[in-house]
Amino acid sequence: MSNRTSLPETGFLRLRAIVAPYGPIPVGKSTWWQGVRDGRFPKPVKLGPKTTAWRVEDIRALIARLGA
């Protein structure tokens, strides 16, 4: 990624690349996790026992929905 707000075309993002201060979604970690539980934010994908990530496509769709 060339700057802090650009997203790759495909792949996965870890939480710190999604939420503030480094990511495009201006919420904290606890607000993000509450939104995941409530269904406002996309569900994560488990990549390993201690690795959780989100699909870039899901995050792009969220940004488009929030911007509309």
N, C-alpha and C. Protein backbone atom coordinates (compact mmCIF):
# COMPACT_ATOMS: atom_id res chain seq x y z
N MET A 1 0.84 -1.17 0.00
CA MET A 1 0.00 0.00 0.00
C MET A 1 0.88 1.23 0.00
N SER A 2 0.55 2.16 -0.85
CA SER A 2 1.40 3.33 -0.99
C SER A 2 1.18 4.35 0.11
N ASN A 3 -0.05 4.49 0.60
CA ASN A 3 -0.28 5.38 1.74
C ASN A 3 -1.24 4.72 2.71
N ARG A 4 -1.53 5.41 3.79
CA ARG A 4 -2.30 4.78 4.86
C ARG A 4 -3.75 4.49 4.48
N THR A 5 -4.33 5.21 3.53
CA THR A 5 -5.74 5.04 3.24
C THR A 5 -6.01 4.22 2.00
N SER A 6 -4.99 3.83 1.25
CA SER A 6 -5.23 3.02 0.06
C SER A 6 -5.40 1.55 0.44
N LEU A 7 -6.26 0.88 -0.30
CA LEU A 7 -6.52 -0.54 -0.05
C LEU A 7 -6.03 -1.34 -1.24
N PRO A 8 -5.54 -2.56 -1.01
CA PRO A 8 -5.16 -3.40 -2.14
C PRO A 8 -6.40 -3.80 -2.94
N GLU A 9 -6.21 -4.24 -4.16
CA GLU A 9 -7.34 -4.64 -5.00
C GLU A 9 -8.04 -5.88 -4.46
N THR A 10 -7.27 -6.87 -4.04
CA THR A 10 -7.84 -8.11 -3.50
C THR A 10 -7.02 -8.54 -2.31
N GLY A 11 -7.51 -9.53 -1.60
CA GLY A 11 -6.76 -10.07 -0.48
C GLY A 11 -7.49 -9.87 0.83
N PHE A 12 -6.70 -9.81 1.89
CA PHE A 12 -7.25 -9.70 3.24
C PHE A 12 -6.59 -8.55 3.97
N LEU A 13 -7.32 -8.00 4.93
CA LEU A 13 -6.80 -6.91 5.77
C LEU A 13 -6.93 -7.31 7.23
N ARG A 14 -5.91 -6.99 8.01
CA ARG A 14 -5.99 -7.18 9.45
C ARG A 14 -6.69 -5.97 10.05
N LEU A 15 -7.11 -6.07 11.28
CA LEU A 15 -7.92 -5.04 11.93
C LEU A 15 -7.22 -3.68 11.97
N ARG A 16 -5.94 -3.66 12.25
CA ARG A 16 -5.25 -2.36 12.36
C ARG A 16 -5.18 -1.62 11.03
N ALA A 17 -5.36 -2.31 9.91
CA ALA A 17 -5.39 -1.65 8.60
C ALA A 17 -6.79 -1.17 8.24
N ILE A 18 -7.79 -1.50 9.08
CA ILE A 18 -9.18 -1.14 8.80
C ILE A 18 -9.65 0.03 9.65
N VAL A 19 -9.36 -0.02 10.95
CA VAL A 19 -9.88 1.00 11.88
C VAL A 19 -8.85 2.09 12.13
N ALA A 20 -9.32 3.18 12.78
CA ALA A 20 -8.47 4.32 13.10
C ALA A 20 -7.34 3.88 14.02
N PRO A 21 -6.20 4.49 13.96
CA PRO A 21 -5.81 5.66 13.19
C PRO A 21 -5.22 5.36 11.82
N TYR A 22 -4.97 4.08 11.51
CA TYR A 22 -4.31 3.74 10.25
C TYR A 22 -5.26 3.39 9.12
N GLY A 23 -6.46 3.01 9.42
CA GLY A 23 -7.39 2.54 8.41
C GLY A 23 -8.42 3.57 8.00
N PRO A 24 -9.23 3.23 7.02
CA PRO A 24 -10.21 4.17 6.49
C PRO A 24 -11.50 4.28 7.30
N ILE A 25 -11.74 3.38 8.24
CA ILE A 25 -12.96 3.40 9.04
C ILE A 25 -12.66 4.12 10.36
N PRO A 26 -13.31 5.26 10.62
CA PRO A 26 -12.96 6.07 11.81
C PRO A 26 -13.62 5.60 13.10
N VAL A 27 -13.40 4.36 13.48
CA VAL A 27 -13.90 3.83 14.74
C VAL A 27 -12.77 3.09 15.45
N GLY A 28 -12.93 2.87 16.73
CA GLY A 28 -11.96 2.12 17.51
C GLY A 28 -12.23 0.62 17.42
N LYS A 29 -11.33 -0.15 18.01
CA LYS A 29 -11.45 -1.61 17.96
C LYS A 29 -12.71 -2.13 18.62
N SER A 30 -13.05 -1.60 19.82
CA SER A 30 -14.24 -2.12 20.49
C SER A 30 -15.51 -1.78 19.75
N THR A 31 -15.57 -0.59 19.15
CA THR A 31 -16.74 -0.23 18.34
C THR A 31 -16.83 -1.12 17.11
N TRP A 32 -15.68 -1.42 16.52
CA TRP A 32 -15.66 -2.30 15.35
C TRP A 32 -16.21 -3.68 15.71
N TRP A 33 -15.70 -4.26 16.80
CA TRP A 33 -16.14 -5.60 17.18
C TRP A 33 -17.63 -5.62 17.56
N GLN A 34 -18.12 -4.55 18.18
CA GLN A 34 -19.55 -4.47 18.49
C GLN A 34 -20.35 -4.42 17.19
N GLY A 35 -19.85 -3.68 16.20
CA GLY A 35 -20.52 -3.61 14.89
C GLY A 35 -20.52 -4.95 14.18
N VAL A 36 -19.46 -5.73 14.34
CA VAL A 36 -19.42 -7.08 13.75
C VAL A 36 -20.49 -7.95 14.41
N ARG A 37 -20.58 -7.87 15.74
CA ARG A 37 -21.60 -8.65 16.45
C ARG A 37 -23.02 -8.22 16.06
N ASP A 38 -23.23 -6.91 15.86
CA ASP A 38 -24.55 -6.37 15.50
C ASP A 38 -24.91 -6.58 14.03
N GLY A 39 -23.91 -6.92 13.21
CA GLY A 39 -24.16 -7.10 11.79
C GLY A 39 -23.98 -5.83 10.96
N ARG A 40 -23.50 -4.74 11.58
CA ARG A 40 -23.26 -3.50 10.83
C ARG A 40 -21.98 -3.57 10.01
N PHE A 41 -21.02 -4.35 10.48
CA PHE A 41 -19.73 -4.50 9.81
C PHE A 41 -19.55 -5.95 9.36
N PRO A 42 -18.70 -6.19 8.36
CA PRO A 42 -18.53 -7.56 7.83
C PRO A 42 -17.94 -8.53 8.85
N LYS A 43 -18.29 -9.78 8.66
CA LYS A 43 -17.75 -10.85 9.51
C LYS A 43 -16.30 -11.12 9.11
N PRO A 44 -15.45 -11.47 10.07
CA PRO A 44 -14.06 -11.78 9.74
C PRO A 44 -13.89 -13.19 9.20
N VAL A 45 -12.70 -13.45 8.69
CA VAL A 45 -12.30 -14.77 8.20
C VAL A 45 -11.13 -15.21 9.08
N LYS A 46 -11.19 -16.42 9.61
CA LYS A 46 -10.09 -16.94 10.39
C LYS A 46 -9.07 -17.56 9.44
N LEU A 47 -7.85 -17.00 9.43
CA LEU A 47 -6.79 -17.52 8.58
C LEU A 47 -5.89 -18.50 9.33
N GLY A 48 -6.01 -18.51 10.62
CA GLY A 48 -5.22 -19.41 11.46
C GLY A 48 -5.74 -19.33 12.88
N PRO A 49 -5.14 -20.07 13.81
CA PRO A 49 -5.64 -20.08 15.18
C PRO A 49 -5.62 -18.69 15.84
N LYS A 50 -4.66 -17.86 15.50
CA LYS A 50 -4.56 -16.52 16.10
C LYS A 50 -4.58 -15.42 15.05
N THR A 51 -5.07 -15.72 13.86
CA THR A 51 -5.06 -14.75 12.78
C THR A 51 -6.47 -14.53 12.24
N THR A 52 -6.95 -13.30 12.40
CA THR A 52 -8.27 -12.91 11.92
C THR A 52 -8.09 -11.79 10.90
N ALA A 53 -8.83 -11.85 9.81
CA ALA A 53 -8.72 -10.83 8.77
C ALA A 53 -10.08 -10.64 8.11
N TRP A 54 -10.17 -9.62 7.29
CA TRP A 54 -11.39 -9.33 6.54
C TRP A 54 -11.06 -9.25 5.07
N ARG A 55 -11.99 -9.67 4.22
CA ARG A 55 -11.79 -9.59 2.77
C ARG A 55 -11.82 -8.12 2.35
N VAL A 56 -10.88 -7.73 1.50
CA VAL A 56 -10.82 -6.36 1.01
C VAL A 56 -12.13 -5.99 0.32
N GLU A 57 -12.71 -6.93 -0.41
CA GLU A 57 -13.97 -6.67 -1.12
C GLU A 57 -15.08 -6.29 -0.14
N ASP A 58 -15.13 -6.95 1.02
CA ASP A 58 -16.14 -6.64 2.03
C ASP A 58 -15.92 -5.24 2.62
N ILE A 59 -14.66 -4.86 2.83
CA ILE A 59 -14.35 -3.54 3.38
C ILE A 59 -14.68 -2.46 2.35
N ARG A 60 -14.36 -2.70 1.07
CA ARG A 60 -14.72 -1.74 0.02
C ARG A 60 -16.23 -1.55 -0.07
N ALA A 61 -16.98 -2.65 0.04
CA ALA A 61 -18.45 -2.55 0.02
C ALA A 61 -18.96 -1.77 1.23
N LEU A 62 -18.37 -1.97 2.39
CA LEU A 62 -18.75 -1.23 3.58
C LEU A 62 -18.50 0.27 3.39
N ILE A 63 -17.33 0.63 2.86
CA ILE A 63 -17.00 2.03 2.64
C ILE A 63 -17.99 2.65 1.65
N ALA A 64 -18.33 1.92 0.60
CA ALA A 64 -19.28 2.43 -0.38
C ALA A 64 -20.66 2.62 0.27
N ARG A 65 -21.06 1.67 1.11
CA ARG A 65 -22.36 1.77 1.78
C ARG A 65 -22.39 2.93 2.77
N LEU A 66 -21.31 3.14 3.51
CA LEU A 66 -21.25 4.24 4.47
C LEU A 66 -21.20 5.59 3.76
N GLY A 67 -20.58 5.61 2.59
CA GLY A 67 -20.46 6.86 1.84
C GLY A 67 -21.72 7.25 1.10
N ALA A 68 -22.64 6.31 0.91
CA ALA A 68 -23.87 6.59 0.16
C ALA A 68 -24.90 7.30 1.00
